[in-house]
Amino acid sequence: MAVNPADELTEMAQEELNAACALTWPELKRITPWGDSFEGFAPSGRTVEVERRYLWAHDPAGAIVVEVEVRDPATRTGVEARALLHAPG
C-alpha cells in the first residue's frame, strides 16, 4: 500500500509535536526561546528535515508556542504542526 507523501509529513509533524510537548513546564521554560533542526527519515525511507521551535507567546503572555515543521527538500513541500502551552495551575 503506497503512502501519501503529504499524509506522511503530517503524521511525522504531529508525532514530533507530541514529543516536543511532552517536556515538563520547568523544562520548557528553561529552553524557551530555542529551536533545532535535524535530518531524519520518513516511514517510506525518504530523507526529511525536522525543525522544532519553542517560542514565548504574545497572547496570552507567559504561554509557550511549540512549532514543528517537517520538510521534504526533494519535493519542496512541508507541513507544520503547532501547540500553545499554558503554565500549570
PDB file of N, CA and C in Angstrom:
ATOM      1  N   MET A   1       0.841  -1.174   0.000  1.00  0.00           N
ATOM      2  CA  MET A   1       0.000   0.000   0.000  1.00  0.00           C
ATOM      3  C   MET A   1       0.894   1.248   0.000  1.00  0.00           C
ATOM      4  N   ALA A   2       0.701   2.125  -0.935  1.00  0.00           N
ATOM      5  CA  ALA A   2       1.501   3.336  -1.058  1.00  0.00           C
ATOM      6  C   ALA A   2       1.110   4.348   0.012  1.00  0.00           C
ATOM      7  N   VAL A   3       2.103   5.047   0.489  1.00  0.00           N
ATOM      8  CA  VAL A   3       1.882   6.080   1.493  1.00  0.00           C
ATOM      9  C   VAL A   3       1.777   7.425   0.788  1.00  0.00           C
ATOM     10  N   ASN A   4       0.732   8.169   1.099  1.00  0.00           N
ATOM     11  CA  ASN A   4       0.574   9.509   0.544  1.00  0.00           C
ATOM     12  C   ASN A   4       1.658  10.392   1.164  1.00  0.00           C
ATOM     13  N   PRO A   5       2.528  11.007   0.344  1.00  0.00           N
ATOM     14  CA  PRO A   5       3.629  11.807   0.888  1.00  0.00           C
ATOM     15  C   PRO A   5       3.173  12.935   1.812  1.00  0.00           C
ATOM     16  N   ALA A   6       2.086  13.619   1.480  1.00  0.00           N
ATOM     17  CA  ALA A   6       1.598  14.709   2.330  1.00  0.00           C
ATOM     18  C   ALA A   6       1.092  14.165   3.669  1.00  0.00           C
ATOM     19  N   ASP A   7       0.384  13.039   3.635  1.00  0.00           N
ATOM     20  CA  ASP A   7      -0.108  12.430   4.871  1.00  0.00           C
ATOM     21  C   ASP A   7       1.048  11.987   5.750  1.00  0.00           C
ATOM     22  N   GLU A   8       2.085  11.487   5.128  1.00  0.00           N
ATOM     23  CA  GLU A   8       3.260  11.025   5.861  1.00  0.00           C
ATOM     24  C   GLU A   8       3.923  12.200   6.588  1.00  0.00           C
ATOM     25  N   LEU A   9       4.064  13.342   5.928  1.00  0.00           N
ATOM     26  CA  LEU A   9       4.648  14.518   6.565  1.00  0.00           C
ATOM     27  C   LEU A   9       3.763  15.018   7.703  1.00  0.00           C
ATOM     28  N   THR A  10       2.462  14.993   7.503  1.00  0.00           N
ATOM     29  CA  THR A  10       1.523  15.420   8.539  1.00  0.00           C
ATOM     30  C   THR A  10       1.632  14.527   9.764  1.00  0.00           C
ATOM     31  N   GLU A  11       1.677  13.220   9.557  1.00  0.00           N
ATOM     32  CA  GLU A  11       1.819  12.273  10.667  1.00  0.00           C
ATOM     33  C   GLU A  11       3.129  12.497  11.412  1.00  0.00           C
ATOM     34  N   MET A  12       4.209  12.691  10.667  1.00  0.00           N
ATOM     35  CA  MET A  12       5.508  12.924  11.298  1.00  0.00           C
ATOM     36  C   MET A  12       5.498  14.211  12.109  1.00  0.00           C
ATOM     37  N   ALA A  13       4.910  15.267  11.566  1.00  0.00           N
ATOM     38  CA  ALA A  13       4.857  16.549  12.277  1.00  0.00           C
ATOM     39  C   ALA A  13       4.069  16.402  13.570  1.00  0.00           C
ATOM     40  N   GLN A  14       2.960  15.686  13.527  1.00  0.00           N
ATOM     41  CA  GLN A  14       2.151  15.503  14.734  1.00  0.00           C
ATOM     42  C   GLN A  14       2.893  14.661  15.772  1.00  0.00           C
ATOM     43  N   GLU A  15       3.586  13.613  15.338  1.00  0.00           N
ATOM     44  CA  GLU A  15       4.361  12.790  16.267  1.00  0.00           C
ATOM     45  C   GLU A  15       5.477  13.606  16.911  1.00  0.00           C
ATOM     46  N   GLU A  16       6.170  14.409  16.133  1.00  0.00           N
ATOM     47  CA  GLU A  16       7.238  15.260  16.658  1.00  0.00           C
ATOM     48  C   GLU A  16       6.679  16.314  17.605  1.00  0.00           C
ATOM     49  N   LEU A  17       5.511  16.868  17.284  1.00  0.00           N
ATOM     50  CA  LEU A  17       4.884  17.853  18.160  1.00  0.00           C
ATOM     51  C   LEU A  17       4.528  17.212  19.499  1.00  0.00           C
ATOM     52  N   ASN A  18       3.981  16.020  19.462  1.00  0.00           N
ATOM     53  CA  ASN A  18       3.639  15.318  20.700  1.00  0.00           C
ATOM     54  C   ASN A  18       4.884  15.116  21.565  1.00  0.00           C
ATOM     55  N   ALA A  19       5.988  14.741  20.939  1.00  0.00           N
ATOM     56  CA  ALA A  19       7.241  14.552  21.679  1.00  0.00           C
ATOM     57  C   ALA A  19       7.744  15.883  22.234  1.00  0.00           C
ATOM     58  N   ALA A  20       7.650  16.942  21.439  1.00  0.00           N
ATOM     59  CA  ALA A  20       8.116  18.260  21.872  1.00  0.00           C
ATOM     60  C   ALA A  20       7.286  18.780  23.042  1.00  0.00           C
ATOM     61  N   CYS A  21       6.003  18.472  23.061  1.00  0.00           N
ATOM     62  CA  CYS A  21       5.108  18.944  24.114  1.00  0.00           C
ATOM     63  C   CYS A  21       5.159  18.063  25.364  1.00  0.00           C
ATOM     64  N   ALA A  22       5.878  16.965  25.323  1.00  0.00           N
ATOM     65  CA  ALA A  22       5.941  16.045  26.453  1.00  0.00           C
ATOM     66  C   ALA A  22       6.881  16.532  27.553  1.00  0.00           C
ATOM     67  N   LEU A  23       7.627  17.606  27.281  1.00  0.00           N
ATOM     68  CA  LEU A  23       8.504  18.155  28.306  1.00  0.00           C
ATOM     69  C   LEU A  23       7.671  18.737  29.442  1.00  0.00           C
ATOM     70  N   THR A  24       8.243  18.765  30.641  1.00  0.00           N
ATOM     71  CA  THR A  24       7.552  19.387  31.766  1.00  0.00           C
ATOM     72  C   THR A  24       7.617  20.908  31.614  1.00  0.00           C
ATOM     73  N   TRP A  25       6.760  21.621  32.333  1.00  0.00           N
ATOM     74  CA  TRP A  25       6.753  23.080  32.241  1.00  0.00           C
ATOM     75  C   TRP A  25       8.118  23.680  32.618  1.00  0.00           C
ATOM     76  N   PRO A  26       8.754  23.230  33.712  1.00  0.00           N
ATOM     77  CA  PRO A  26      10.078  23.775  34.023  1.00  0.00           C
ATOM     78  C   PRO A  26      11.108  23.520  32.907  1.00  0.00           C
ATOM     79  N   GLU A  27      11.032  22.360  32.269  1.00  0.00           N
ATOM     80  CA  GLU A  27      11.944  22.075  31.156  1.00  0.00           C
ATOM     81  C   GLU A  27      11.657  23.008  29.977  1.00  0.00           C
ATOM     82  N   LEU A  28      10.382  23.209  29.677  1.00  0.00           N
ATOM     83  CA  LEU A  28      10.008  24.105  28.582  1.00  0.00           C
ATOM     84  C   LEU A  28      10.494  25.529  28.834  1.00  0.00           C
ATOM     85  N   LYS A  29      10.290  26.028  30.055  1.00  0.00           N
ATOM     86  CA  LYS A  29      10.716  27.384  30.384  1.00  0.00           C
ATOM     87  C   LYS A  29      12.228  27.545  30.248  1.00  0.00           C
ATOM     88  N   ARG A  30      12.962  26.513  30.626  1.00  0.00           N
ATOM     89  CA  ARG A  30      14.421  26.558  30.582  1.00  0.00           C
ATOM     90  C   ARG A  30      14.958  26.664  29.159  1.00  0.00           C
ATOM     91  N   ILE A  31      14.268  26.062  28.201  1.00  0.00           N
ATOM     92  CA  ILE A  31      14.795  26.046  26.825  1.00  0.00           C
ATOM     93  C   ILE A  31      14.162  27.083  25.903  1.00  0.00           C
ATOM     94  N   THR A  32      13.152  27.803  26.391  1.00  0.00           N
ATOM     95  CA  THR A  32      12.464  28.786  25.541  1.00  0.00           C
ATOM     96  C   THR A  32      13.147  30.139  25.680  1.00  0.00           C
ATOM     97  N   PRO A  33      13.428  30.876  24.635  1.00  0.00           N
ATOM     98  CA  PRO A  33      13.251  30.543  23.217  1.00  0.00           C
ATOM     99  C   PRO A  33      14.415  29.694  22.711  1.00  0.00           C
ATOM    100  N   TRP A  34      14.098  28.757  21.852  1.00  0.00           N
ATOM    101  CA  TRP A  34      15.109  27.859  21.321  1.00  0.00           C
ATOM    102  C   TRP A  34      14.517  27.092  20.150  1.00  0.00           C
ATOM    103  N   GLY A  35      15.374  26.587  19.310  1.00  0.00           N
ATOM    104  CA  GLY A  35      14.944  25.748  18.201  1.00  0.00           C
ATOM    105  C   GLY A  35      16.088  24.876  17.750  1.00  0.00           C
ATOM    106  N   ASP A  36      15.754  23.826  17.067  1.00  0.00           N
ATOM    107  CA  ASP A  36      16.775  22.971  16.476  1.00  0.00           C
ATOM    108  C   ASP A  36      16.209  22.328  15.230  1.00  0.00           C
ATOM    109  N   SER A  37      17.091  21.824  14.412  1.00  0.00           N
ATOM    110  CA  SER A  37      16.656  21.101  13.214  1.00  0.00           C
ATOM    111  C   SER A  37      17.594  19.926  13.006  1.00  0.00           C
ATOM    112  N   PHE A  38      17.048  18.902  12.385  1.00  0.00           N
ATOM    113  CA  PHE A  38      17.847  17.700  12.124  1.00  0.00           C
ATOM    114  C   PHE A  38      17.285  16.978  10.913  1.00  0.00           C
ATOM    115  N   GLU A  39      18.101  16.146  10.345  1.00  0.00           N
ATOM    116  CA  GLU A  39      17.697  15.328   9.207  1.00  0.00           C
ATOM    117  C   GLU A  39      17.193  13.999   9.742  1.00  0.00           C
ATOM    118  N   GLY A  40      16.085  13.557   9.204  1.00  0.00           N
ATOM    119  CA  GLY A  40      15.507  12.287   9.627  1.00  0.00           C
ATOM    120  C   GLY A  40      14.985  11.516   8.440  1.00  0.00           C
ATOM    121  N   PHE A  41      14.357  10.398   8.736  1.00  0.00           N
ATOM    122  CA  PHE A  41      13.805   9.554   7.685  1.00  0.00           C
ATOM    123  C   PHE A  41      12.318   9.338   7.919  1.00  0.00           C
ATOM    124  N   ALA A  42      11.556   9.549   6.888  1.00  0.00           N
ATOM    125  CA  ALA A  42      10.124   9.279   6.929  1.00  0.00           C
ATOM    126  C   ALA A  42       9.920   7.762   6.909  1.00  0.00           C
ATOM    127  N   PRO A  43       8.745   7.294   7.321  1.00  0.00           N
ATOM    128  CA  PRO A  43       8.480   5.855   7.284  1.00  0.00           C
ATOM    129  C   PRO A  43       8.709   5.234   5.901  1.00  0.00           C
ATOM    130  N   SER A  44       8.513   6.020   4.850  1.00  0.00           N
ATOM    131  CA  SER A  44       8.729   5.499   3.499  1.00  0.00           C
ATOM    132  C   SER A  44      10.213   5.372   3.158  1.00  0.00           C
ATOM    133  N   GLY A  45      11.074   5.966   4.001  1.00  0.00           N
ATOM    134  CA  GLY A  45      12.509   5.889   3.770  1.00  0.00           C
ATOM    135  C   GLY A  45      13.120   7.145   3.178  1.00  0.00           C
ATOM    136  N   ARG A  46      12.289   8.091   2.760  1.00  0.00           N
ATOM    137  CA  ARG A  46      12.845   9.317   2.182  1.00  0.00           C
ATOM    138  C   ARG A  46      13.416  10.207   3.288  1.00  0.00           C
ATOM    139  N   THR A  47      14.391  11.009   2.925  1.00  0.00           N
ATOM    140  CA  THR A  47      15.035  11.915   3.861  1.00  0.00           C
ATOM    141  C   THR A  47      14.200  13.181   4.005  1.00  0.00           C
ATOM    142  N   VAL A  48      13.996  13.607   5.245  1.00  0.00           N
ATOM    143  CA  VAL A  48      13.235  14.819   5.523  1.00  0.00           C
ATOM    144  C   VAL A  48      14.015  15.669   6.527  1.00  0.00           C
ATOM    145  N   GLU A  49      13.664  16.937   6.600  1.00  0.00           N
ATOM    146  CA  GLU A  49      14.216  17.842   7.600  1.00  0.00           C
ATOM    147  C   GLU A  49      13.137  18.090   8.644  1.00  0.00           C
ATOM    148  N   VAL A  50      13.516  18.031   9.914  1.00  0.00           N
ATOM    149  CA  VAL A  50      12.582  18.266  11.008  1.00  0.00           C
ATOM    150  C   VAL A  50      13.101  19.461  11.797  1.00  0.00           C
ATOM    151  N   GLU A  51      12.228  20.414  12.064  1.00  0.00           N
ATOM    152  CA  GLU A  51      12.604  21.598  12.830  1.00  0.00           C
ATOM    153  C   GLU A  51      11.618  21.780  13.973  1.00  0.00           C
ATOM    154  N   ARG A  52      12.148  22.006  15.180  1.00  0.00           N
ATOM    155  CA  ARG A  52      11.341  22.291  16.369  1.00  0.00           C
ATOM    156  C   ARG A  52      11.652  23.715  16.818  1.00  0.00           C
ATOM    157  N   ARG A  53      10.605  24.433  17.241  1.00  0.00           N
ATOM    158  CA  ARG A  53      10.780  25.786  17.760  1.00  0.00           C
ATOM    159  C   ARG A  53       9.957  25.942  19.041  1.00  0.00           C
ATOM    160  N   TYR A  54      10.587  26.511  20.059  1.00  0.00           N
ATOM    161  CA  TYR A  54       9.926  26.830  21.326  1.00  0.00           C
ATOM    162  C   TYR A  54       9.996  28.346  21.476  1.00  0.00           C
ATOM    163  N   LEU A  55       8.853  29.017  21.481  1.00  0.00           N
ATOM    164  CA  LEU A  55       8.802  30.478  21.481  1.00  0.00           C
ATOM    165  C   LEU A  55       7.856  30.984  22.565  1.00  0.00           C
ATOM    166  N   TRP A  56       8.164  32.146  23.128  1.00  0.00           N
ATOM    167  CA  TRP A  56       7.238  32.766  24.068  1.00  0.00           C
ATOM    168  C   TRP A  56       6.055  33.327  23.285  1.00  0.00           C
ATOM    169  N   ALA A  57       4.866  33.083  23.760  1.00  0.00           N
ATOM    170  CA  ALA A  57       3.661  33.588  23.112  1.00  0.00           C
ATOM    171  C   ALA A  57       3.421  35.036  23.527  1.00  0.00           C
ATOM    172  N   HIS A  58       2.869  35.819  22.629  1.00  0.00           N
ATOM    173  CA  HIS A  58       2.487  37.188  22.954  1.00  0.00           C
ATOM    174  C   HIS A  58       1.081  37.228  23.549  1.00  0.00           C
ATOM    175  N   ASP A  59       0.248  36.288  23.138  1.00  0.00           N
ATOM    176  CA  ASP A  59      -1.122  36.257  23.628  1.00  0.00           C
ATOM    177  C   ASP A  59      -1.558  34.810  23.766  1.00  0.00           C
ATOM    178  N   PRO A  60      -1.723  34.317  24.953  1.00  0.00           N
ATOM    179  CA  PRO A  60      -1.583  35.011  26.224  1.00  0.00           C
ATOM    180  C   PRO A  60      -0.117  35.081  26.666  1.00  0.00           C
ATOM    181  N   ALA A  61       0.222  36.160  27.308  1.00  0.00           N
ATOM    182  CA  ALA A  61       1.590  36.346  27.792  1.00  0.00           C
ATOM    183  C   ALA A  61       1.954  35.227  28.766  1.00  0.00           C
ATOM    184  N   GLY A  62       3.176  34.742  28.654  1.00  0.00           N
ATOM    185  CA  GLY A  62       3.649  33.688  29.542  1.00  0.00           C
ATOM    186  C   GLY A  62       3.443  32.283  29.018  1.00  0.00           C
ATOM    187  N   ALA A  63       2.646  32.137  27.974  1.00  0.00           N
ATOM    188  CA  ALA A  63       2.445  30.815  27.367  1.00  0.00           C
ATOM    189  C   ALA A  63       3.604  30.531  26.419  1.00  0.00           C
ATOM    190  N   ILE A  64       3.739  29.292  26.031  1.00  0.00           N
ATOM    191  CA  ILE A  64       4.802  28.882  25.115  1.00  0.00           C
ATOM    192  C   ILE A  64       4.179  28.273  23.861  1.00  0.00           C
ATOM    193  N   VAL A  65       4.656  28.739  22.715  1.00  0.00           N
ATOM    194  CA  VAL A  65       4.235  28.186  21.433  1.00  0.00           C
ATOM    195  C   VAL A  65       5.278  27.146  21.025  1.00  0.00           C
ATOM    196  N   VAL A  66       4.807  25.950  20.716  1.00  0.00           N
ATOM    197  CA  VAL A  66       5.693  24.895  20.230  1.00  0.00           C
ATOM    198  C   VAL A  66       5.309  24.643  18.775  1.00  0.00           C
ATOM    199  N   GLU A  67       6.292  24.769  17.892  1.00  0.00           N
ATOM    200  CA  GLU A  67       6.058  24.554  16.462  1.00  0.00           C
ATOM    201  C   GLU A  67       7.001  23.469  15.955  1.00  0.00           C
ATOM    202  N   VAL A  68       6.465  22.628  15.103  1.00  0.00           N
ATOM    203  CA  VAL A  68       7.262  21.588  14.458  1.00  0.00           C
ATOM    204  C   VAL A  68       6.981  21.658  12.969  1.00  0.00           C
ATOM    205  N   GLU A  69       8.042  21.643  12.188  1.00  0.00           N
ATOM    206  CA  GLU A  69       7.901  21.635  10.736  1.00  0.00           C
ATOM    207  C   GLU A  69       8.672  20.443  10.188  1.00  0.00           C
ATOM    208  N   VAL A  70       8.039  19.699   9.304  1.00  0.00           N
ATOM    209  CA  VAL A  70       8.687  18.582   8.617  1.00  0.00           C
ATOM    210  C   VAL A  70       8.683  18.909   7.130  1.00  0.00           C
ATOM    211  N   ARG A  71       9.882  18.954   6.546  1.00  0.00           N
ATOM    212  CA  ARG A  71      10.034  19.340   5.140  1.00  0.00           C
ATOM    213  C   ARG A  71      10.701  18.235   4.340  1.00  0.00           C
ATOM    214  N   ASP A  72      10.256  18.119   3.102  1.00  0.00           N
ATOM    215  CA  ASP A  72      10.896  17.232   2.139  1.00  0.00           C
ATOM    216  C   ASP A  72      11.627  18.126   1.144  1.00  0.00           C
ATOM    217  N   PRO A  73      12.940  18.273   1.287  1.00  0.00           N
ATOM    218  CA  PRO A  73      13.663  19.179   0.402  1.00  0.00           C
ATOM    219  C   PRO A  73      13.621  18.757  -1.066  1.00  0.00           C
ATOM    220  N   ALA A  74      13.482  17.480  -1.327  1.00  0.00           N
ATOM    221  CA  ALA A  74      13.466  16.994  -2.712  1.00  0.00           C
ATOM    222  C   ALA A  74      12.226  17.476  -3.463  1.00  0.00           C
ATOM    223  N   THR A  75      11.099  17.524  -2.763  1.00  0.00           N
ATOM    224  CA  THR A  75       9.847  17.943  -3.423  1.00  0.00           C
ATOM    225  C   THR A  75       9.452  19.376  -3.056  1.00  0.00           C
ATOM    226  N   ARG A  76      10.251  19.997  -2.195  1.00  0.00           N
ATOM    227  CA  ARG A  76       9.991  21.365  -1.744  1.00  0.00           C
ATOM    228  C   ARG A  76       8.595  21.510  -1.128  1.00  0.00           C
ATOM    229  N   THR A  77       8.254  20.521  -0.301  1.00  0.00           N
ATOM    230  CA  THR A  77       6.974  20.549   0.411  1.00  0.00           C
ATOM    231  C   THR A  77       7.248  20.455   1.903  1.00  0.00           C
ATOM    232  N   GLY A  78       6.270  20.841   2.686  1.00  0.00           N
ATOM    233  CA  GLY A  78       6.423  20.757   4.124  1.00  0.00           C
ATOM    234  C   GLY A  78       5.097  20.894   4.832  1.00  0.00           C
ATOM    235  N   VAL A  79       5.095  20.484   6.081  1.00  0.00           N
ATOM    236  CA  VAL A  79       3.900  20.532   6.911  1.00  0.00           C
ATOM    237  C   VAL A  79       4.311  21.048   8.284  1.00  0.00           C
ATOM    238  N   GLU A  80       3.472  21.884   8.883  1.00  0.00           N
ATOM    239  CA  GLU A  80       3.761  22.419  10.199  1.00  0.00           C
ATOM    240  C   GLU A  80       2.648  22.058  11.163  1.00  0.00           C
ATOM    241  N   ALA A  81       3.052  21.748  12.394  1.00  0.00           N
ATOM    242  CA  ALA A  81       2.096  21.484  13.476  1.00  0.00           C
ATOM    243  C   ALA A  81       2.460  22.443  14.622  1.00  0.00           C
ATOM    244  N   ARG A  82       1.456  22.865  15.372  1.00  0.00           N
ATOM    245  CA  ARG A  82       1.675  23.909  16.373  1.00  0.00           C
ATOM    246  C   ARG A  82       0.799  23.664  17.591  1.00  0.00           C
ATOM    247  N   ALA A  83       1.342  24.011  18.762  1.00  0.00           N
ATOM    248  CA  ALA A  83       0.570  23.907  20.002  1.00  0.00           C
ATOM    249  C   ALA A  83       0.875  25.120  20.873  1.00  0.00           C
ATOM    250  N   LEU A  84      -0.108  25.546  21.636  1.00  0.00           N
ATOM    251  CA  LEU A  84       0.051  26.630  22.594  1.00  0.00           C
ATOM    252  C   LEU A  84      -0.076  26.008  23.984  1.00  0.00           C
ATOM    253  N   LEU A  85       0.997  26.120  24.780  1.00  0.00           N
ATOM    254  CA  LEU A  85       1.026  25.507  26.093  1.00  0.00           C
ATOM    255  C   LEU A  85       0.968  26.599  27.165  1.00  0.00           C
ATOM    256  N   HIS A  86       0.139  26.356  28.195  1.00  0.00           N
ATOM    257  CA  HIS A  86      -0.030  27.308  29.291  1.00  0.00           C
ATOM    258  C   HIS A  86       0.645  26.763  30.539  1.00  0.00           C
ATOM    259  N   ALA A  87       1.083  27.654  31.399  1.00  0.00           N
ATOM    260  CA  ALA A  87       1.673  27.250  32.671  1.00  0.00           C
ATOM    261  C   ALA A  87       0.646  26.485  33.490  1.00  0.00           C
ATOM    262  N   PRO A  88       1.077  25.443  34.162  1.00  0.00           N
ATOM    263  CA  PRO A  88       0.135  24.690  35.009  1.00  0.00           C
ATOM    264  C   PRO A  88      -0.356  25.552  36.169  1.00  0.00           C
ATOM    265  N   GLY A  89      -1.548  25.227  36.613  1.00  0.00           N
ATOM    266  CA  GLY A  89      -2.057  25.912  37.799  1.00  0.00           C
ATOM    267  C   GLY A  89      -3.122  26.810  37.480  1.00  0.00           C
TER     268      GLY A  89
END
